[in-house]
PDB file of N, CA and C in Angstrom:
ATOM      1  N   MET A   1       0.830  -1.202   0.000  1.00  0.00           N
ATOM      2  CA  MET A   1       0.000   0.000   0.000  1.00  0.00           C
ATOM      3  C   MET A   1       0.874   1.265   0.000  1.00  0.00           C
ATOM      4  N   LYS A   2       1.909   1.291   0.840  1.00  0.00           N
ATOM      5  CA  LYS A   2       2.775   2.460   0.902  1.00  0.00           C
ATOM      6  C   LYS A   2       3.563   2.621  -0.392  1.00  0.00           C
ATOM      7  N   ILE A   3       3.995   1.505  -0.963  1.00  0.00           N
ATOM      8  CA  ILE A   3       4.771   1.571  -2.199  1.00  0.00           C
ATOM      9  C   ILE A   3       3.896   2.082  -3.337  1.00  0.00           C
ATOM     10  N   THR A   4       2.648   1.659  -3.373  1.00  0.00           N
ATOM     11  CA  THR A   4       1.732   2.113  -4.417  1.00  0.00           C
ATOM     12  C   THR A   4       1.515   3.616  -4.317  1.00  0.00           C
ATOM     13  N   ARG A   5       1.308   4.105  -3.116  1.00  0.00           N
ATOM     14  CA  ARG A   5       1.131   5.556  -2.921  1.00  0.00           C
ATOM     15  C   ARG A   5       2.387   6.312  -3.357  1.00  0.00           C
ATOM     16  N   PHE A   6       3.547   5.782  -2.996  1.00  0.00           N
ATOM     17  CA  PHE A   6       4.809   6.428  -3.367  1.00  0.00           C
ATOM     18  C   PHE A   6       4.964   6.474  -4.880  1.00  0.00           C
ATOM     19  N   LEU A   7       4.673   5.394  -5.556  1.00  0.00           N
ATOM     20  CA  LEU A   7       4.812   5.354  -7.010  1.00  0.00           C
ATOM     21  C   LEU A   7       3.830   6.296  -7.695  1.00  0.00           C
ATOM     22  N   ILE A   8       2.615   6.355  -7.203  1.00  0.00           N
ATOM     23  CA  ILE A   8       1.613   7.258  -7.783  1.00  0.00           C
ATOM     24  C   ILE A   8       2.025   8.712  -7.569  1.00  0.00           C
ATOM     25  N   LEU A   9       2.472   9.032  -6.363  1.00  0.00           N
ATOM     26  CA  LEU A   9       2.910  10.398  -6.071  1.00  0.00           C
ATOM     27  C   LEU A   9       4.107  10.783  -6.930  1.00  0.00           C
ATOM     28  N   THR A  10       5.049   9.873  -7.080  1.00  0.00           N
ATOM     29  CA  THR A  10       6.220  10.145  -7.914  1.00  0.00           C
ATOM     30  C   THR A  10       5.813  10.380  -9.364  1.00  0.00           C
ATOM     31  N   ALA A  11       4.913   9.550  -9.883  1.00  0.00           N
ATOM     32  CA  ALA A  11       4.460   9.704 -11.266  1.00  0.00           C
ATOM     33  C   ALA A  11       3.751  11.042 -11.462  1.00  0.00           C
ATOM     34  N   VAL A  12       2.915  11.427 -10.522  1.00  0.00           N
ATOM     35  CA  VAL A  12       2.195  12.698 -10.628  1.00  0.00           C
ATOM     36  C   VAL A  12       3.174  13.867 -10.595  1.00  0.00           C
ATOM     37  N   LEU A  13       4.149  13.815  -9.679  1.00  0.00           N
ATOM     38  CA  LEU A  13       5.119  14.903  -9.592  1.00  0.00           C
ATOM     39  C   LEU A  13       5.968  15.009 -10.852  1.00  0.00           C
ATOM     40  N   LEU A  14       6.316  13.884 -11.440  1.00  0.00           N
ATOM     41  CA  LEU A  14       7.102  13.919 -12.666  1.00  0.00           C
ATOM     42  C   LEU A  14       6.296  14.462 -13.842  1.00  0.00           C
ATOM     43  N   LEU A  15       5.002  14.246 -13.827  1.00  0.00           N
ATOM     44  CA  LEU A  15       4.157  14.721 -14.923  1.00  0.00           C
ATOM     45  C   LEU A  15       3.855  16.213 -14.846  1.00  0.00           C
ATOM     46  N   ILE A  16       3.910  16.791 -13.649  1.00  0.00           N
ATOM     47  CA  ILE A  16       3.536  18.199 -13.517  1.00  0.00           C
ATOM     48  C   ILE A  16       4.736  19.135 -13.398  1.00  0.00           C
ATOM     49  N   ILE A  17       5.941  18.614 -13.603  1.00  0.00           N
ATOM     50  CA  ILE A  17       7.119  19.461 -13.537  1.00  0.00           C
ATOM     51  C   ILE A  17       7.074  20.474 -14.682  1.00  0.00           C
ATOM     52  N   ALA A  18       7.199  21.729 -14.334  1.00  0.00           N
ATOM     53  CA  ALA A  18       7.151  22.793 -15.337  1.00  0.00           C
ATOM     54  C   ALA A  18       8.561  23.089 -15.842  1.00  0.00           C
ATOM     55  N   ASP A  19       8.653  23.464 -17.079  1.00  0.00           N
ATOM     56  CA  ASP A  19       9.933  23.859 -17.652  1.00  0.00           C
ATOM     57  C   ASP A  19      10.287  25.233 -17.094  1.00  0.00           C
ATOM     58  N   ALA A  20      11.453  25.326 -16.484  1.00  0.00           N
ATOM     59  CA  ALA A  20      11.845  26.582 -15.851  1.00  0.00           C
ATOM     60  C   ALA A  20      13.259  26.954 -16.256  1.00  0.00           C
ATOM     61  N   SER A  21      13.484  28.240 -16.367  1.00  0.00           N
ATOM     62  CA  SER A  21      14.822  28.743 -16.624  1.00  0.00           C
ATOM     63  C   SER A  21      15.400  29.160 -15.280  1.00  0.00           C
ATOM     64  N   ALA A  22      16.341  28.375 -14.762  1.00  0.00           N
ATOM     65  CA  ALA A  22      16.825  28.588 -13.405  1.00  0.00           C
ATOM     66  C   ALA A  22      18.092  29.421 -13.347  1.00  0.00           C
ATOM     67  N   GLN A  23      18.574  29.911 -14.460  1.00  0.00           N
ATOM     68  CA  GLN A  23      19.791  30.710 -14.449  1.00  0.00           C
ATOM     69  C   GLN A  23      19.445  32.195 -14.449  1.00  0.00           C
ATOM     70  N   CYS A  24      20.297  32.938 -13.775  1.00  0.00           N
ATOM     71  CA  CYS A  24      20.139  34.389 -13.860  1.00  0.00           C
ATOM     72  C   CYS A  24      20.632  34.827 -15.239  1.00  0.00           C
ATOM     73  N   ALA A  25      20.314  36.030 -15.624  1.00  0.00           N
ATOM     74  CA  ALA A  25      20.667  36.516 -16.960  1.00  0.00           C
ATOM     75  C   ALA A  25      22.180  36.555 -17.170  1.00  0.00           C
ATOM     76  N   MET A  26      22.926  36.927 -16.151  1.00  0.00           N
ATOM     77  CA  MET A  26      24.386  36.993 -16.288  1.00  0.00           C
ATOM     78  C   MET A  26      24.995  35.602 -16.436  1.00  0.00           C
ATOM     79  N   CYS A  27      24.512  34.644 -15.666  1.00  0.00           N
ATOM     80  CA  CYS A  27      25.037  33.276 -15.769  1.00  0.00           C
ATOM     81  C   CYS A  27      24.717  32.688 -17.138  1.00  0.00           C
ATOM     82  N   GLN A  28      23.521  32.930 -17.614  1.00  0.00           N
ATOM     83  CA  GLN A  28      23.134  32.410 -18.926  1.00  0.00           C
ATOM     84  C   GLN A  28      23.982  33.030 -20.034  1.00  0.00           C
ATOM     85  N   ALA A  29      24.221  34.336 -19.970  1.00  0.00           N
ATOM     86  CA  ALA A  29      25.038  34.995 -20.989  1.00  0.00           C
ATOM     87  C   ALA A  29      26.479  34.487 -20.954  1.00  0.00           C
ATOM     88  N   THR A  30      27.018  34.286 -19.761  1.00  0.00           N
ATOM     89  CA  THR A  30      28.379  33.764 -19.632  1.00  0.00           C
ATOM     90  C   THR A  30      28.475  32.350 -20.180  1.00  0.00           C
ATOM     91  N   ALA A  31      27.505  31.528 -19.857  1.00  0.00           N
ATOM     92  CA  ALA A  31      27.516  30.141 -20.322  1.00  0.00           C
ATOM     93  C   ALA A  31      27.374  30.074 -21.840  1.00  0.00           C
ATOM     94  N   GLU A  32      26.502  30.897 -22.401  1.00  0.00           N
ATOM     95  CA  GLU A  32      26.308  30.875 -23.853  1.00  0.00           C
ATOM     96  C   GLU A  32      27.527  31.415 -24.597  1.00  0.00           C
ATOM     97  N   SER A  33      28.169  32.431 -24.051  1.00  0.00           N
ATOM     98  CA  SER A  33      29.324  32.997 -24.745  1.00  0.00           C
ATOM     99  C   SER A  33      30.563  32.123 -24.603  1.00  0.00           C
ATOM    100  N   SER A  34      30.634  31.334 -23.552  1.00  0.00           N
ATOM    101  CA  SER A  34      31.826  30.513 -23.346  1.00  0.00           C
ATOM    102  C   SER A  34      31.709  29.132 -23.968  1.00  0.00           C
ATOM    103  N   LEU A  35      30.595  28.828 -24.607  1.00  0.00           N
ATOM    104  CA  LEU A  35      30.458  27.521 -25.248  1.00  0.00           C
ATOM    105  C   LEU A  35      31.468  27.346 -26.375  1.00  0.00           C
ATOM    106  N   ASP A  36      31.624  28.370 -27.181  1.00  0.00           N
ATOM    107  CA  ASP A  36      32.546  28.281 -28.311  1.00  0.00           C
ATOM    108  C   ASP A  36      33.991  28.509 -27.878  1.00  0.00           C
ATOM    109  N   ALA A  37      34.193  29.333 -26.876  1.00  0.00           N
ATOM    110  CA  ALA A  37      35.553  29.680 -26.464  1.00  0.00           C
ATOM    111  C   ALA A  37      36.221  28.564 -25.677  1.00  0.00           C
ATOM    112  N   GLY A  38      35.436  27.699 -25.055  1.00  0.00           N
ATOM    113  CA  GLY A  38      36.010  26.617 -24.266  1.00  0.00           C
ATOM    114  C   GLY A  38      36.690  27.109 -23.005  1.00  0.00           C
ATOM    115  N   SER A  39      36.202  28.191 -22.433  1.00  0.00           N
ATOM    116  CA  SER A  39      36.839  28.767 -21.251  1.00  0.00           C
ATOM    117  C   SER A  39      36.487  27.977 -19.996  1.00  0.00           C
ATOM    118  N   SER A  40      37.144  28.341 -18.930  1.00  0.00           N
ATOM    119  CA  SER A  40      36.896  27.657 -17.663  1.00  0.00           C
ATOM    120  C   SER A  40      35.621  28.151 -16.985  1.00  0.00           C
ATOM    121  N   ALA A  41      35.018  29.215 -17.504  1.00  0.00           N
ATOM    122  CA  ALA A  41      33.774  29.725 -16.905  1.00  0.00           C
ATOM    123  C   ALA A  41      32.659  28.698 -17.038  1.00  0.00           C
ATOM    124  N   ALA A  42      32.580  28.036 -18.183  1.00  0.00           N
ATOM    125  CA  ALA A  42      31.551  27.009 -18.373  1.00  0.00           C
ATOM    126  C   ALA A  42      31.802  25.831 -17.448  1.00  0.00           C
ATOM    127  N   ALA A  43      33.064  25.457 -17.274  1.00  0.00           N
ATOM    128  CA  ALA A  43      33.388  24.366 -16.355  1.00  0.00           C
ATOM    129  C   ALA A  43      33.018  24.734 -14.923  1.00  0.00           C
ATOM    130  N   GLY A  44      33.248  25.981 -14.540  1.00  0.00           N
ATOM    131  CA  GLY A  44      32.879  26.442 -13.207  1.00  0.00           C
ATOM    132  C   GLY A  44      31.383  26.422 -12.976  1.00  0.00           C
ATOM    133  N   ILE A  45      30.640  26.841 -13.989  1.00  0.00           N
ATOM    134  CA  ILE A  45      29.177  26.814 -13.879  1.00  0.00           C
ATOM    135  C   ILE A  45      28.696  25.377 -13.764  1.00  0.00           C
ATOM    136  N   ASN A  46      29.273  24.470 -14.546  1.00  0.00           N
ATOM    137  CA  ASN A  46      28.881  23.064 -14.475  1.00  0.00           C
ATOM    138  C   ASN A  46      29.182  22.465 -13.103  1.00  0.00           C
ATOM    139  N   LYS A  47      30.342  22.794 -12.542  1.00  0.00           N
ATOM    140  CA  LYS A  47      30.685  22.291 -11.209  1.00  0.00           C
ATOM    141  C   LYS A  47      29.728  22.836 -10.163  1.00  0.00           C
ATOM    142  N   GLY A  48      29.348  24.096 -10.295  1.00  0.00           N
ATOM    143  CA  GLY A  48      28.392  24.683  -9.363  1.00  0.00           C
ATOM    144  C   GLY A  48      27.034  24.020  -9.442  1.00  0.00           C
ATOM    145  N   VAL A  49      26.595  23.717 -10.634  1.00  0.00           N
ATOM    146  CA  VAL A  49      25.312  23.035 -10.815  1.00  0.00           C
ATOM    147  C   VAL A  49      25.361  21.643 -10.193  1.00  0.00           C
ATOM    148  N   MET A  50      26.455  20.922 -10.406  1.00  0.00           N
ATOM    149  CA  MET A  50      26.587  19.582  -9.831  1.00  0.00           C
ATOM    150  C   MET A  50      26.632  19.644  -8.309  1.00  0.00           C
ATOM    151  N   TYR A  51      27.316  20.638  -7.764  1.00  0.00           N
ATOM    152  CA  TYR A  51      27.351  20.818  -6.315  1.00  0.00           C
ATOM    153  C   TYR A  51      25.947  21.048  -5.763  1.00  0.00           C
ATOM    154  N   LEU A  52      25.202  21.936  -6.402  1.00  0.00           N
ATOM    155  CA  LEU A  52      23.849  22.224  -5.944  1.00  0.00           C
ATOM    156  C   LEU A  52      22.924  21.022  -6.118  1.00  0.00           C
ATOM    157  N   PHE A  53      23.206  20.178  -7.106  1.00  0.00           N
ATOM    158  CA  PHE A  53      22.381  19.003  -7.341  1.00  0.00           C
ATOM    159  C   PHE A  53      22.643  17.916  -6.302  1.00  0.00           C
ATOM    160  N   PHE A  54      23.911  17.671  -5.974  1.00  0.00           N
ATOM    161  CA  PHE A  54      24.243  16.533  -5.120  1.00  0.00           C
ATOM    162  C   PHE A  54      24.131  16.807  -3.629  1.00  0.00           C
ATOM    163  N   MET A  55      24.251  18.025  -3.181  1.00  0.00           N
ATOM    164  CA  MET A  55      24.231  18.296  -1.746  1.00  0.00           C
ATOM    165  C   MET A  55      22.937  17.849  -1.061  1.00  0.00           C
ATOM    166  N   PRO A  56      21.759  18.115  -1.599  1.00  0.00           N
ATOM    167  CA  PRO A  56      20.554  17.606  -0.929  1.00  0.00           C
ATOM    168  C   PRO A  56      20.522  16.083  -0.856  1.00  0.00           C
ATOM    169  N   TRP A  57      21.023  15.419  -1.892  1.00  0.00           N
ATOM    170  CA  TRP A  57      21.051  13.952  -1.885  1.00  0.00           C
ATOM    171  C   TRP A  57      22.018  13.428  -0.830  1.00  0.00           C
ATOM    172  N   ILE A  58      23.144  14.073  -0.677  1.00  0.00           N
ATOM    173  CA  ILE A  58      24.108  13.651   0.343  1.00  0.00           C
ATOM    174  C   ILE A  58      23.521  13.860   1.734  1.00  0.00           C
ATOM    175  N   ILE A  59      22.867  14.978   1.941  1.00  0.00           N
ATOM    176  CA  ILE A  59      22.260  15.253   3.249  1.00  0.00           C
ATOM    177  C   ILE A  59      21.153  14.251   3.545  1.00  0.00           C
ATOM    178  N   MET A  60      20.277  14.008   2.571  1.00  0.00           N
ATOM    179  CA  MET A  60      19.198  13.034   2.784  1.00  0.00           C
ATOM    180  C   MET A  60      19.749  11.630   3.002  1.00  0.00           C
ATOM    181  N   GLY A  61      20.797  11.264   2.270  1.00  0.00           N
ATOM    182  CA  GLY A  61      21.400   9.946   2.443  1.00  0.00           C
ATOM    183  C   GLY A  61      22.008   9.773   3.822  1.00  0.00           C
ATOM    184  N   THR A  62      22.643  10.824   4.328  1.00  0.00           N
ATOM    185  CA  THR A  62      23.218  10.764   5.667  1.00  0.00           C
ATOM    186  C   THR A  62      22.139  10.604   6.724  1.00  0.00           C
ATOM    187  N   ILE A  63      21.066  11.368   6.601  1.00  0.00           N
ATOM    188  CA  ILE A  63      19.960  11.263   7.550  1.00  0.00           C
ATOM    189  C   ILE A  63      19.325   9.877   7.468  1.00  0.00           C
ATOM    190  N   ALA A  64      19.139   9.367   6.254  1.00  0.00           N
ATOM    191  CA  ALA A  64      18.542   8.032   6.087  1.00  0.00           C
ATOM    192  C   ALA A  64      19.435   6.955   6.688  1.00  0.00           C
ATOM    193  N   TYR A  65      20.746   7.092   6.530  1.00  0.00           N
ATOM    194  CA  TYR A  65      21.663   6.103   7.096  1.00  0.00           C
ATOM    195  C   TYR A  65      21.560   6.074   8.615  1.00  0.00           C
ATOM    196  N   PHE A  66      21.585   7.259   9.242  1.00  0.00           N
ATOM    197  CA  PHE A  66      21.498   7.296  10.694  1.00  0.00           C
ATOM    198  C   PHE A  66      20.139   6.788  11.192  1.00  0.00           C
ATOM    199  N   TRP A  67      19.065   7.088  10.470  1.00  0.00           N
ATOM    200  CA  TRP A  67      17.743   6.577  10.837  1.00  0.00           C
ATOM    201  C   TRP A  67      17.721   5.063  10.720  1.00  0.00           C
ATOM    202  N   TRP A  68      18.263   4.529   9.633  1.00  0.00           N
ATOM    203  CA  TRP A  68      18.309   3.084   9.417  1.00  0.00           C
ATOM    204  C   TRP A  68      19.117   2.401  10.511  1.00  0.00           C
ATOM    205  N   ARG A  69      20.258   3.000  10.868  1.00  0.00           N
ATOM    206  CA  ARG A  69      21.108   2.424  11.907  1.00  0.00           C
ATOM    207  C   ARG A  69      20.391   2.386  13.251  1.00  0.00           C
ATOM    208  N   GLU A  70      19.660   3.453  13.582  1.00  0.00           N
ATOM    209  CA  GLU A  70      18.900   3.471  14.836  1.00  0.00           C
ATOM    210  C   GLU A  70      17.770   2.450  14.817  1.00  0.00           C
ATOM    211  N   GLN A  71      17.118   2.298  13.687  1.00  0.00           N
ATOM    212  CA  GLN A  71      16.045   1.303  13.574  1.00  0.00           C
ATOM    213  C   GLN A  71      16.591  -0.115  13.734  1.00  0.00           C
ATOM    214  N   LYS A  72      17.769  -0.352  13.185  1.00  0.00           N
ATOM    215  CA  LYS A  72      18.386  -1.670  13.298  1.00  0.00           C
ATOM    216  C   LYS A  72      18.792  -1.942  14.750  1.00  0.00           C
ATOM    217  N   LYS A  73      19.301  -0.941  15.456  1.00  0.00           N
ATOM    218  CA  LYS A  73      19.642  -1.105  16.853  1.00  0.00           C
ATOM    219  C   LYS A  73      18.399  -1.383  17.710  1.00  0.00           C
ATOM    220  N   ALA A  74      17.293  -0.710  17.358  1.00  0.00           N
ATOM    221  CA  ALA A  74      16.059  -0.871  18.131  1.00  0.00           C
ATOM    222  C   ALA A  74      15.477  -2.268  17.947  1.00  0.00           C
ATOM    223  N   GLN A  75      15.687  -2.888  16.815  1.00  0.00           N
ATOM    224  CA  GLN A  75      15.176  -4.226  16.568  1.00  0.00           C
ATOM    225  C   GLN A  75      15.966  -5.283  17.320  1.00  0.00           C
ATOM    226  N   GLN A  76      17.220  -5.014  17.625  1.00  0.00           N
ATOM    227  CA  GLN A  76      18.061  -6.004  18.321  1.00  0.00           C
ATOM    228  C   GLN A  76      17.916  -5.920  19.780  1.00  0.00           C
TER     229      GLN A  76
END
């Protein structure tokens, strides 16, 4: 029952995601102008995006690990 609710909620959230432009005007202009030049500005922007993407996952994974460990201790 819980898995079914989770799958339905996930499917609904994936279907209603709106297309958004998440860059500020300066970041977008820098990224577009540095595509042809091959400068390090594009690499820096990419690293920043990856940092912002992975940090919530790392935090959630850490919390989940500690919760799982406590649950396992409580069962023993």
